[in-house]
């Protein structure tokens, strides 16, 4: 039973990431060098990708496999970009960035 749950979560995650990127399943399939219906078959739980194809899917979204499976993170690409930029900041810049983020979060 758990296998079915994991499969469903995997397929849902792929669909969400693809939709966030605003690309069709067909276009994504073709961009990955796969048959035009391949991603659609995954999203409809008819097949699962090989590990190699899964890594290609992660590369397509510019995320790590760990970020793919972090279902609590709705925007893994944006978070990865933000962290990359923050890693280039000095302590003063990070302190100001944290204050800015807290200010934004408290306004919404």
PDB file of N, CA and C in Angstrom:
ATOM      1  N   UNK A   1       0.817  -1.197   0.000  1.00  0.00           N
ATOM      2  CA  UNK A   1       0.000   0.000   0.000  1.00  0.00           C
ATOM      3  C   UNK A   1       0.860   1.260   0.000  1.00  0.00           C
ATOM      4  N   UNK A   2       1.968   1.248   0.752  1.00  0.00           N
ATOM      5  CA  UNK A   2       2.837   2.417   0.780  1.00  0.00           C
ATOM      6  C   UNK A   2       3.410   2.712  -0.597  1.00  0.00           C
ATOM      7  N   UNK A   3       3.736   1.660  -1.350  1.00  0.00           N
ATOM      8  CA  UNK A   3       4.292   1.852  -2.682  1.00  0.00           C
ATOM      9  C   UNK A   3       3.349   2.695  -3.535  1.00  0.00           C
ATOM     10  N   UNK A   4       2.043   2.426  -3.437  1.00  0.00           N
ATOM     11  CA  UNK A   4       1.056   3.202  -4.193  1.00  0.00           C
ATOM     12  C   UNK A   4       1.056   4.661  -3.748  1.00  0.00           C
ATOM     13  N   UNK A   5       1.151   4.882  -2.435  1.00  0.00           N
ATOM     14  CA  UNK A   5       1.185   6.244  -1.906  1.00  0.00           C
ATOM     15  C   UNK A   5       2.416   6.977  -2.401  1.00  0.00           C
ATOM     16  N   UNK A   6       3.574   6.324  -2.367  1.00  0.00           N
ATOM     17  CA  UNK A   6       4.804   6.961  -2.835  1.00  0.00           C
ATOM     18  C   UNK A   6       4.726   7.279  -4.321  1.00  0.00           C
ATOM     19  N   UNK A   7       4.187   6.356  -5.080  1.00  0.00           N
ATOM     20  CA  UNK A   7       4.045   6.570  -6.528  1.00  0.00           C
ATOM     21  C   UNK A   7       3.161   7.783  -6.785  1.00  0.00           C
ATOM     22  N   UNK A   8       2.036   7.857  -6.081  1.00  0.00           N
ATOM     23  CA  UNK A   8       1.100   8.970  -6.249  1.00  0.00           C
ATOM     24  C   UNK A   8       1.776  10.300  -5.888  1.00  0.00           C
ATOM     25  N   UNK A   9       2.511  10.328  -4.775  1.00  0.00           N
ATOM     26  CA  UNK A   9       3.214  11.545  -4.352  1.00  0.00           C
ATOM     27  C   UNK A   9       4.277  11.943  -5.383  1.00  0.00           C
ATOM     28  N   UNK A  10       4.997  10.957  -5.893  1.00  0.00           N
ATOM     29  CA  UNK A  10       6.019  11.228  -6.904  1.00  0.00           C
ATOM     30  C   UNK A  10       5.382  11.864  -8.138  1.00  0.00           C
ATOM     31  N   UNK A  11       4.311  11.264  -8.607  1.00  0.00           N
ATOM     32  CA  UNK A  11       3.651  11.755  -9.816  1.00  0.00           C
ATOM     33  C   UNK A  11       3.047  13.142  -9.599  1.00  0.00           C
ATOM     34  N   UNK A  12       2.472  13.358  -8.429  1.00  0.00           N
ATOM     35  CA  UNK A  12       1.907  14.675  -8.103  1.00  0.00           C
ATOM     36  C   UNK A  12       2.992  15.741  -8.033  1.00  0.00           C
ATOM     37  N   UNK A  13       4.126  15.369  -7.450  1.00  0.00           N
ATOM     38  CA  UNK A  13       5.241  16.322  -7.339  1.00  0.00           C
ATOM     39  C   UNK A  13       5.752  16.712  -8.720  1.00  0.00           C
ATOM     40  N   UNK A  14       5.888  15.731  -9.592  1.00  0.00           N
ATOM     41  CA  UNK A  14       6.336  16.014 -10.953  1.00  0.00           C
ATOM     42  C   UNK A  14       5.364  16.958 -11.652  1.00  0.00           C
ATOM     43  N   UNK A  15       4.082  16.687 -11.512  1.00  0.00           N
ATOM     44  CA  UNK A  15       3.073  17.540 -12.134  1.00  0.00           C
ATOM     45  C   UNK A  15       3.158  18.962 -11.602  1.00  0.00           C
ATOM     46  N   UNK A  16       3.286  19.117 -10.283  1.00  0.00           N
ATOM     47  CA  UNK A  16       3.360  20.453  -9.690  1.00  0.00           C
ATOM     48  C   UNK A  16       4.582  21.214 -10.190  1.00  0.00           C
ATOM     49  N   UNK A  17       5.729  20.564 -10.184  1.00  0.00           N
ATOM     50  CA  UNK A  17       6.949  21.233 -10.638  1.00  0.00           C
ATOM     51  C   UNK A  17       6.839  21.631 -12.105  1.00  0.00           C
ATOM     52  N   UNK A  18       6.268  20.758 -12.908  1.00  0.00           N
ATOM     53  CA  UNK A  18       6.116  21.061 -14.332  1.00  0.00           C
ATOM     54  C   UNK A  18       5.162  22.229 -14.532  1.00  0.00           C
ATOM     55  N   UNK A  19       4.067  22.236 -13.806  1.00  0.00           N
ATOM     56  CA  UNK A  19       3.102  23.323 -13.939  1.00  0.00           C
ATOM     57  C   UNK A  19       3.678  24.644 -13.436  1.00  0.00           C
ATOM     58  N   UNK A  20       4.459  24.583 -12.359  1.00  0.00           N
ATOM     59  CA  UNK A  20       5.114  25.800 -11.860  1.00  0.00           C
ATOM     60  C   UNK A  20       6.065  26.368 -12.900  1.00  0.00           C
ATOM     61  N   UNK A  21       6.671  25.499 -13.676  1.00  0.00           N
ATOM     62  CA  UNK A  21       7.583  25.930 -14.741  1.00  0.00           C
ATOM     63  C   UNK A  21       6.806  26.377 -15.984  1.00  0.00           C
ATOM     64  N   UNK A  22       5.504  26.125 -15.977  1.00  0.00           N
ATOM     65  CA  UNK A  22       4.605  26.522 -17.063  1.00  0.00           C
ATOM     66  C   UNK A  22       5.012  25.899 -18.394  1.00  0.00           C
ATOM     67  N   UNK A  23       5.205  24.596 -18.360  1.00  0.00           N
ATOM     68  CA  UNK A  23       5.567  23.851 -19.565  1.00  0.00           C
ATOM     69  C   UNK A  23       4.624  22.652 -19.694  1.00  0.00           C
ATOM     70  N   UNK A  24       4.281  22.312 -20.907  1.00  0.00           N
ATOM     71  CA  UNK A  24       3.407  21.159 -21.117  1.00  0.00           C
ATOM     72  C   UNK A  24       4.184  19.866 -20.909  1.00  0.00           C
ATOM     73  N   UNK A  25       3.448  18.799 -20.609  1.00  0.00           N
ATOM     74  CA  UNK A  25       4.074  17.484 -20.446  1.00  0.00           C
ATOM     75  C   UNK A  25       4.753  17.077 -21.750  1.00  0.00           C
ATOM     76  N   UNK A  26       4.133  17.383 -22.864  1.00  0.00           N
ATOM     77  CA  UNK A  26       4.701  17.044 -24.169  1.00  0.00           C
ATOM     78  C   UNK A  26       6.025  17.777 -24.398  1.00  0.00           C
ATOM     79  N   UNK A  27       6.025  19.088 -24.146  1.00  0.00           N
ATOM     80  CA  UNK A  27       7.253  19.863 -24.352  1.00  0.00           C
ATOM     81  C   UNK A  27       8.370  19.416 -23.423  1.00  0.00           C
ATOM     82  N   UNK A  28       8.024  19.089 -22.194  1.00  0.00           N
ATOM     83  CA  UNK A  28       9.037  18.608 -21.255  1.00  0.00           C
ATOM     84  C   UNK A  28       9.603  17.283 -21.735  1.00  0.00           C
ATOM     85  N   UNK A  29       8.732  16.383 -22.157  1.00  0.00           N
ATOM     86  CA  UNK A  29       9.192  15.086 -22.674  1.00  0.00           C
ATOM     87  C   UNK A  29      10.170  15.269 -23.817  1.00  0.00           C
ATOM     88  N   UNK A  30       9.789  16.103 -24.767  1.00  0.00           N
ATOM     89  CA  UNK A  30      10.643  16.315 -25.935  1.00  0.00           C
ATOM     90  C   UNK A  30      11.956  16.997 -25.548  1.00  0.00           C
ATOM     91  N   UNK A  31      11.905  17.923 -24.581  1.00  0.00           N
ATOM     92  CA  UNK A  31      13.131  18.600 -24.121  1.00  0.00           C
ATOM     93  C   UNK A  31      14.107  17.609 -23.490  1.00  0.00           C
ATOM     94  N   UNK A  32      13.561  16.560 -22.896  1.00  0.00           N
ATOM     95  CA  UNK A  32      14.396  15.540 -22.265  1.00  0.00           C
ATOM     96  C   UNK A  32      14.832  14.459 -23.255  1.00  0.00           C
ATOM     97  N   UNK A  33      14.390  14.582 -24.497  1.00  0.00           N
ATOM     98  CA  UNK A  33      14.748  13.593 -25.505  1.00  0.00           C
ATOM     99  C   UNK A  33      13.942  12.306 -25.394  1.00  0.00           C
ATOM    100  N   UNK A  34      12.749  12.415 -24.844  1.00  0.00           N
ATOM    101  CA  UNK A  34      11.888  11.251 -24.633  1.00  0.00           C
ATOM    102  C   UNK A  34      10.704  11.311 -25.588  1.00  0.00           C
ATOM    103  N   UNK A  35       9.922  10.244 -25.626  1.00  0.00           N
ATOM    104  CA  UNK A  35       8.720  10.259 -26.469  1.00  0.00           C
ATOM    105  C   UNK A  35       7.777  11.345 -25.955  1.00  0.00           C
ATOM    106  N   UNK A  36       6.977  11.885 -26.843  1.00  0.00           N
ATOM    107  CA  UNK A  36       6.152  13.038 -26.482  1.00  0.00           C
ATOM    108  C   UNK A  36       5.145  12.767 -25.370  1.00  0.00           C
ATOM    109  N   UNK A  37       4.807  11.507 -25.126  1.00  0.00           N
ATOM    110  CA  UNK A  37       3.823  11.181 -24.085  1.00  0.00           C
ATOM    111  C   UNK A  37       4.462  10.662 -22.792  1.00  0.00           C
ATOM    112  N   UNK A  38       5.785  10.648 -22.700  1.00  0.00           N
ATOM    113  CA  UNK A  38       6.468  10.012 -21.569  1.00  0.00           C
ATOM    114  C   UNK A  38       6.117  10.667 -20.224  1.00  0.00           C
ATOM    115  N   UNK A  39       6.251  11.972 -20.124  1.00  0.00           N
ATOM    116  CA  UNK A  39       5.972  12.663 -18.859  1.00  0.00           C
ATOM    117  C   UNK A  39       4.504  12.493 -18.490  1.00  0.00           C
ATOM    118  N   UNK A  40       3.620  12.555 -19.480  1.00  0.00           N
ATOM    119  CA  UNK A  40       2.199  12.340 -19.235  1.00  0.00           C
ATOM    120  C   UNK A  40       1.945  10.960 -18.636  1.00  0.00           C
ATOM    121  N   UNK A  41       2.644   9.956 -19.113  1.00  0.00           N
ATOM    122  CA  UNK A  41       2.486   8.597 -18.577  1.00  0.00           C
ATOM    123  C   UNK A  41       2.945   8.521 -17.123  1.00  0.00           C
ATOM    124  N   UNK A  42       4.003   9.242 -16.795  1.00  0.00           N
ATOM    125  CA  UNK A  42       4.458   9.273 -15.398  1.00  0.00           C
ATOM    126  C   UNK A  42       3.405   9.965 -14.534  1.00  0.00           C
ATOM    127  N   UNK A  43       2.954  11.127 -14.973  1.00  0.00           N
ATOM    128  CA  UNK A  43       1.993  11.893 -14.185  1.00  0.00           C
ATOM    129  C   UNK A  43       0.668  11.152 -13.996  1.00  0.00           C
ATOM    130  N   UNK A  44       0.332  10.277 -14.922  1.00  0.00           N
ATOM    131  CA  UNK A  44      -0.897   9.485 -14.820  1.00  0.00           C
ATOM    132  C   UNK A  44      -0.661   8.114 -14.184  1.00  0.00           C
ATOM    133  N   UNK A  45       0.504   7.965 -13.562  1.00  0.00           N
ATOM    134  CA  UNK A  45       0.862   6.763 -12.802  1.00  0.00           C
ATOM    135  C   UNK A  45       0.879   5.493 -13.647  1.00  0.00           C
ATOM    136  N   UNK A  46       1.188   5.628 -14.917  1.00  0.00           N
ATOM    137  CA  UNK A  46       1.273   4.457 -15.796  1.00  0.00           C
ATOM    138  C   UNK A  46       2.686   3.901 -15.872  1.00  0.00           C
ATOM    139  N   UNK A  47       3.673   4.726 -15.512  1.00  0.00           N
ATOM    140  CA  UNK A  47       5.062   4.289 -15.518  1.00  0.00           C
ATOM    141  C   UNK A  47       5.847   5.145 -14.543  1.00  0.00           C
ATOM    142  N   UNK A  48       7.030   4.708 -14.219  1.00  0.00           N
ATOM    143  CA  UNK A  48       7.968   5.500 -13.425  1.00  0.00           C
ATOM    144  C   UNK A  48       9.264   5.617 -14.219  1.00  0.00           C
ATOM    145  N   UNK A  49       9.996   6.696 -14.042  1.00  0.00           N
ATOM    146  CA  UNK A  49      11.243   6.849 -14.794  1.00  0.00           C
ATOM    147  C   UNK A  49      12.357   5.974 -14.234  1.00  0.00           C
ATOM    148  N   UNK A  50      13.333   5.701 -15.084  1.00  0.00           N
ATOM    149  CA  UNK A  50      14.557   5.054 -14.596  1.00  0.00           C
ATOM    150  C   UNK A  50      15.299   6.060 -13.722  1.00  0.00           C
ATOM    151  N   UNK A  51      16.273   5.595 -12.988  1.00  0.00           N
ATOM    152  CA  UNK A  51      17.070   6.518 -12.172  1.00  0.00           C
ATOM    153  C   UNK A  51      17.744   7.559 -13.047  1.00  0.00           C
ATOM    154  N   UNK A  52      18.277   7.129 -14.174  1.00  0.00           N
ATOM    155  CA  UNK A  52      18.940   8.051 -15.085  1.00  0.00           C
ATOM    156  C   UNK A  52      17.976   9.137 -15.563  1.00  0.00           C
ATOM    157  N   UNK A  53      16.779   8.730 -15.939  1.00  0.00           N
ATOM    158  CA  UNK A  53      15.778   9.711 -16.389  1.00  0.00           C
ATOM    159  C   UNK A  53      15.336  10.598 -15.235  1.00  0.00           C
ATOM    160  N   UNK A  54      15.218  10.031 -14.034  1.00  0.00           N
ATOM    161  CA  UNK A  54      14.871  10.840 -12.868  1.00  0.00           C
ATOM    162  C   UNK A  54      15.916  11.933 -12.650  1.00  0.00           C
ATOM    163  N   UNK A  55      17.189  11.588 -12.761  1.00  0.00           N
ATOM    164  CA  UNK A  55      18.243  12.597 -12.618  1.00  0.00           C
ATOM    165  C   UNK A  55      18.137  13.650 -13.713  1.00  0.00           C
ATOM    166  N   UNK A  56      17.789  13.238 -14.921  1.00  0.00           N
ATOM    167  CA  UNK A  56      17.582  14.196 -16.016  1.00  0.00           C
ATOM    168  C   UNK A  56      16.408  15.129 -15.711  1.00  0.00           C
ATOM    169  N   UNK A  57      15.367  14.586 -15.105  1.00  0.00           N
ATOM    170  CA  UNK A  57      14.210  15.401 -14.719  1.00  0.00           C
ATOM    171  C   UNK A  57      14.629  16.439 -13.672  1.00  0.00           C
ATOM    172  N   UNK A  58      15.408  16.011 -12.688  1.00  0.00           N
ATOM    173  CA  UNK A  58      15.904  16.952 -11.675  1.00  0.00           C
ATOM    174  C   UNK A  58      16.747  18.039 -12.328  1.00  0.00           C
ATOM    175  N   UNK A  59      17.631  17.655 -13.242  1.00  0.00           N
ATOM    176  CA  UNK A  59      18.442  18.645 -13.961  1.00  0.00           C
ATOM    177  C   UNK A  59      17.553  19.614 -14.733  1.00  0.00           C
ATOM    178  N   UNK A  60      16.499  19.106 -15.329  1.00  0.00           N
ATOM    179  CA  UNK A  60      15.567  19.936 -16.089  1.00  0.00           C
ATOM    180  C   UNK A  60      14.974  21.034 -15.206  1.00  0.00           C
ATOM    181  N   UNK A  61      14.659  20.682 -13.956  1.00  0.00           N
ATOM    182  CA  UNK A  61      14.092  21.652 -13.024  1.00  0.00           C
ATOM    183  C   UNK A  61      15.159  22.426 -12.254  1.00  0.00           C
ATOM    184  N   UNK A  62      16.431  22.091 -12.471  1.00  0.00           N
ATOM    185  CA  UNK A  62      17.554  22.731 -11.762  1.00  0.00           C
ATOM    186  C   UNK A  62      17.442  22.523 -10.254  1.00  0.00           C
ATOM    187  N   UNK A  63      17.081  21.302  -9.877  1.00  0.00           N
ATOM    188  CA  UNK A  63      16.986  20.946  -8.467  1.00  0.00           C
ATOM    189  C   UNK A  63      17.709  19.621  -8.237  1.00  0.00           C
ATOM    190  N   UNK A  64      17.999  19.333  -6.980  1.00  0.00           N
ATOM    191  CA  UNK A  64      18.618  18.057  -6.624  1.00  0.00           C
ATOM    192  C   UNK A  64      17.521  17.018  -6.400  1.00  0.00           C
ATOM    193  N   UNK A  65      17.880  15.736  -6.432  1.00  0.00           N
ATOM    194  CA  UNK A  65      16.885  14.720  -6.085  1.00  0.00           C
ATOM    195  C   UNK A  65      16.297  14.947  -4.686  1.00  0.00           C
ATOM    196  N   UNK A  66      17.104  15.390  -3.761  1.00  0.00           N
ATOM    197  CA  UNK A  66      16.611  15.676  -2.414  1.00  0.00           C
ATOM    198  C   UNK A  66      15.548  16.773  -2.461  1.00  0.00           C
ATOM    199  N   UNK A  67      15.782  17.810  -3.246  1.00  0.00           N
ATOM    200  CA  UNK A  67      14.796  18.886  -3.363  1.00  0.00           C
ATOM    201  C   UNK A  67      13.517  18.397  -4.049  1.00  0.00           C
ATOM    202  N   UNK A  68      13.662  17.474  -4.990  1.00  0.00           N
ATOM    203  CA  UNK A  68      12.482  16.911  -5.645  1.00  0.00           C
ATOM    204  C   UNK A  68      11.574  16.251  -4.605  1.00  0.00           C
ATOM    205  N   UNK A  69      12.169  15.480  -3.691  1.00  0.00           N
ATOM    206  CA  UNK A  69      11.383  14.727  -2.714  1.00  0.00           C
ATOM    207  C   UNK A  69      10.985  15.530  -1.487  1.00  0.00           C
ATOM    208  N   UNK A  70      11.435  16.762  -1.366  1.00  0.00           N
ATOM    209  CA  UNK A  70      11.030  17.599  -0.245  1.00  0.00           C
ATOM    210  C   UNK A  70       9.659  18.186  -0.557  1.00  0.00           C
ATOM    211  N   UNK A  71       8.625  17.425  -0.259  1.00  0.00           N
ATOM    212  CA  UNK A  71       7.255  17.807  -0.599  1.00  0.00           C
ATOM    213  C   UNK A  71       6.786  19.048   0.168  1.00  0.00           C
ATOM    214  N   UNK A  72       7.456  19.367   1.271  1.00  0.00           N
ATOM    215  CA  UNK A  72       7.083  20.553   2.043  1.00  0.00           C
ATOM    216  C   UNK A  72       7.582  21.838   1.399  1.00  0.00           C
ATOM    217  N   UNK A  73       8.467  21.719   0.441  1.00  0.00           N
ATOM    218  CA  UNK A  73       9.034  22.885  -0.230  1.00  0.00           C
ATOM    219  C   UNK A  73       8.331  23.078  -1.579  1.00  0.00           C
ATOM    220  N   UNK A  74       7.426  24.044  -1.647  1.00  0.00           N
ATOM    221  CA  UNK A  74       6.674  24.205  -2.894  1.00  0.00           C
ATOM    222  C   UNK A  74       7.477  24.813  -4.049  1.00  0.00           C
ATOM    223  N   UNK A  75       8.539  25.542  -3.752  1.00  0.00           N
ATOM    224  CA  UNK A  75       9.309  26.211  -4.792  1.00  0.00           C
ATOM    225  C   UNK A  75      10.801  25.896  -4.663  1.00  0.00           C
ATOM    226  N   UNK A  76      11.199  24.659  -4.920  1.00  0.00           N
ATOM    227  CA  UNK A  76      12.594  24.261  -4.681  1.00  0.00           C
ATOM    228  C   UNK A  76      13.592  25.018  -5.548  1.00  0.00           C
ATOM    229  N   UNK A  77      13.253  25.329  -6.776  1.00  0.00           N
ATOM    230  CA  UNK A  77      14.192  26.040  -7.640  1.00  0.00           C
ATOM    231  C   UNK A  77      14.466  27.434  -7.091  1.00  0.00           C
ATOM    232  N   UNK A  78      13.421  28.143  -6.708  1.00  0.00           N
ATOM    233  CA  UNK A  78      13.582  29.502  -6.195  1.00  0.00           C
ATOM    234  C   UNK A  78      14.373  29.522  -4.883  1.00  0.00           C
ATOM    235  N   UNK A  79      14.109  28.533  -4.022  1.00  0.00           N
ATOM    236  CA  UNK A  79      14.850  28.441  -2.764  1.00  0.00           C
ATOM    237  C   UNK A  79      16.329  28.161  -3.034  1.00  0.00           C
ATOM    238  N   UNK A  80      16.604  27.271  -3.974  1.00  0.00           N
ATOM    239  CA  UNK A  80      17.998  26.951  -4.316  1.00  0.00           C
ATOM    240  C   UNK A  80      18.724  28.177  -4.843  1.00  0.00           C
ATOM    241  N   UNK A  81      18.071  28.961  -5.681  1.00  0.00           N
ATOM    242  CA  UNK A  81      18.684  30.184  -6.223  1.00  0.00           C
ATOM    243  C   UNK A  81      18.933  31.182  -5.096  1.00  0.00           C
ATOM    244  N   UNK A  82      17.934  31.339  -4.211  1.00  0.00           N
ATOM    245  CA  UNK A  82      18.091  32.275  -3.090  1.00  0.00           C
ATOM    246  C   UNK A  82      19.251  31.854  -2.183  1.00  0.00           C
ATOM    247  N   UNK A  83      19.344  30.572  -1.878  1.00  0.00           N
ATOM    248  CA  UNK A  83      20.438  30.088  -1.028  1.00  0.00           C
ATOM    249  C   UNK A  83      21.795  30.283  -1.693  1.00  0.00           C
ATOM    250  N   UNK A  84      21.849  30.054  -2.987  1.00  0.00           N
ATOM    251  CA  UNK A  84      23.104  30.249  -3.716  1.00  0.00           C
ATOM    252  C   UNK A  84      23.544  31.709  -3.625  1.00  0.00           C
ATOM    253  N   UNK A  85      22.601  32.609  -3.816  1.00  0.00           N
ATOM    254  CA  UNK A  85      22.921  34.037  -3.717  1.00  0.00           C
ATOM    255  C   UNK A  85      23.313  34.422  -2.297  1.00  0.00           C
ATOM    256  N   UNK A  86      22.603  33.882  -1.320  1.00  0.00           N
ATOM    257  CA  UNK A  86      22.900  34.223   0.073  1.00  0.00           C
ATOM    258  C   UNK A  86      24.268  33.693   0.501  1.00  0.00           C
ATOM    259  N   UNK A  87      24.701  32.593  -0.086  1.00  0.00           N
ATOM    260  CA  UNK A  87      26.024  32.053   0.239  1.00  0.00           C
ATOM    261  C   UNK A  87      27.150  32.975  -0.222  1.00  0.00           C
ATOM    262  N   UNK A  88      26.846  33.896  -1.103  1.00  0.00           N
ATOM    263  CA  UNK A  88      27.853  34.843  -1.598  1.00  0.00           C
ATOM    264  C   UNK A  88      27.891  36.134  -0.773  1.00  0.00           C
ATOM    265  N   UNK A  89      26.991  36.263   0.190  1.00  0.00           N
ATOM    266  CA  UNK A  89      26.901  37.491   0.981  1.00  0.00           C
ATOM    267  C   UNK A  89      27.810  37.434   2.197  1.00  0.00           C
ATOM    268  N   UNK A  90      28.199  38.618   2.643  1.00  0.00           N
ATOM    269  CA  UNK A  90      28.940  38.694   3.905  1.00  0.00           C
ATOM    270  C   UNK A  90      27.937  38.755   5.056  1.00  0.00           C
ATOM    271  N   UNK A  91      28.427  38.744   6.281  1.00  0.00           N
ATOM    272  CA  UNK A  91      27.549  38.678   7.444  1.00  0.00           C
ATOM    273  C   UNK A  91      26.602  39.877   7.514  1.00  0.00           C
ATOM    274  N   UNK A  92      27.097  41.057   7.231  1.00  0.00           N
ATOM    275  CA  UNK A  92      26.246  42.252   7.274  1.00  0.00           C
ATOM    276  C   UNK A  92      25.123  42.167   6.237  1.00  0.00           C
ATOM    277  N   UNK A  93      25.457  41.729   5.046  1.00  0.00           N
ATOM    278  CA  UNK A  93      24.437  41.590   4.005  1.00  0.00           C
ATOM    279  C   UNK A  93      23.392  40.547   4.395  1.00  0.00           C
ATOM    280  N   UNK A  94      23.849  39.437   4.968  1.00  0.00           N
ATOM    281  CA  UNK A  94      22.907  38.398   5.409  1.00  0.00           C
ATOM    282  C   UNK A  94      21.982  38.911   6.510  1.00  0.00           C
ATOM    283  N   UNK A  95      22.541  39.676   7.430  1.00  0.00           N
ATOM    284  CA  UNK A  95      21.740  40.242   8.517  1.00  0.00           C
ATOM    285  C   UNK A  95      20.655  41.154   7.957  1.00  0.00           C
ATOM    286  N   UNK A  96      21.024  41.992   6.988  1.00  0.00           N
ATOM    287  CA  UNK A  96      20.024  42.870   6.357  1.00  0.00           C
ATOM    288  C   UNK A  96      18.990  42.071   5.573  1.00  0.00           C
ATOM    289  N   UNK A  97      19.430  41.004   4.910  1.00  0.00           N
ATOM    290  CA  UNK A  97      18.509  40.173   4.140  1.00  0.00           C
ATOM    291  C   UNK A  97      17.505  39.499   5.067  1.00  0.00           C
ATOM    292  N   UNK A  98      17.967  38.994   6.187  1.00  0.00           N
ATOM    293  CA  UNK A  98      17.073  38.357   7.161  1.00  0.00           C
ATOM    294  C   UNK A  98      16.044  39.369   7.672  1.00  0.00           C
ATOM    295  N   UNK A  99      16.498  40.563   7.994  1.00  0.00           N
ATOM    296  CA  UNK A  99      15.573  41.606   8.462  1.00  0.00           C
ATOM    297  C   UNK A  99      14.548  41.938   7.382  1.00  0.00           C
ATOM    298  N   UNK A 100      14.985  42.012   6.145  1.00  0.00           N
ATOM    299  CA  UNK A 100      14.095  42.285   5.018  1.00  0.00           C
ATOM    300  C   UNK A 100      13.047  41.184   4.872  1.00  0.00           C
ATOM    301  N   UNK A 101      13.485  39.930   4.943  1.00  0.00           N
ATOM    302  CA  UNK A 101      12.553  38.806   4.811  1.00  0.00           C
ATOM    303  C   UNK A 101      11.547  38.794   5.955  1.00  0.00           C
ATOM    304  N   UNK A 102      12.015  39.057   7.170  1.00  0.00           N
ATOM    305  CA  UNK A 102      11.091  39.091   8.309  1.00  0.00           C
ATOM    306  C   UNK A 102      10.068  40.199   8.129  1.00  0.00           C
ATOM    307  N   UNK A 103      10.510  41.347   7.638  1.00  0.00           N
ATOM    308  CA  UNK A 103       9.608  42.471   7.409  1.00  0.00           C
ATOM    309  C   UNK A 103       8.540  42.090   6.371  1.00  0.00           C
ATOM    310  N   UNK A 104       8.946  41.466   5.295  1.00  0.00           N
ATOM    311  CA  UNK A 104       8.004  41.044   4.253  1.00  0.00           C
ATOM    312  C   UNK A 104       7.015  40.017   4.818  1.00  0.00           C
ATOM    313  N   UNK A 105       7.508  39.041   5.545  1.00  0.00           N
ATOM    314  CA  UNK A 105       6.628  38.004   6.090  1.00  0.00           C
ATOM    315  C   UNK A 105       5.619  38.544   7.097  1.00  0.00           C
ATOM    316  N   UNK A 106       5.973  39.583   7.801  1.00  0.00           N
ATOM    317  CA  UNK A 106       5.067  40.146   8.795  1.00  0.00           C
ATOM    318  C   UNK A 106       4.037  41.071   8.155  1.00  0.00           C
ATOM    319  N   UNK A 107       4.303  41.544   6.952  1.00  0.00           N
ATOM    320  CA  UNK A 107       3.360  42.431   6.260  1.00  0.00           C
ATOM    321  C   UNK A 107       2.255  41.670   5.559  1.00  0.00           C
ATOM    322  N   UNK A 108       2.509  40.398   5.248  1.00  0.00           N
ATOM    323  CA  UNK A 108       1.497  39.648   4.483  1.00  0.00           C
ATOM    324  C   UNK A 108       0.523  38.930   5.365  1.00  0.00           C
TER     325      UNK A 108
END
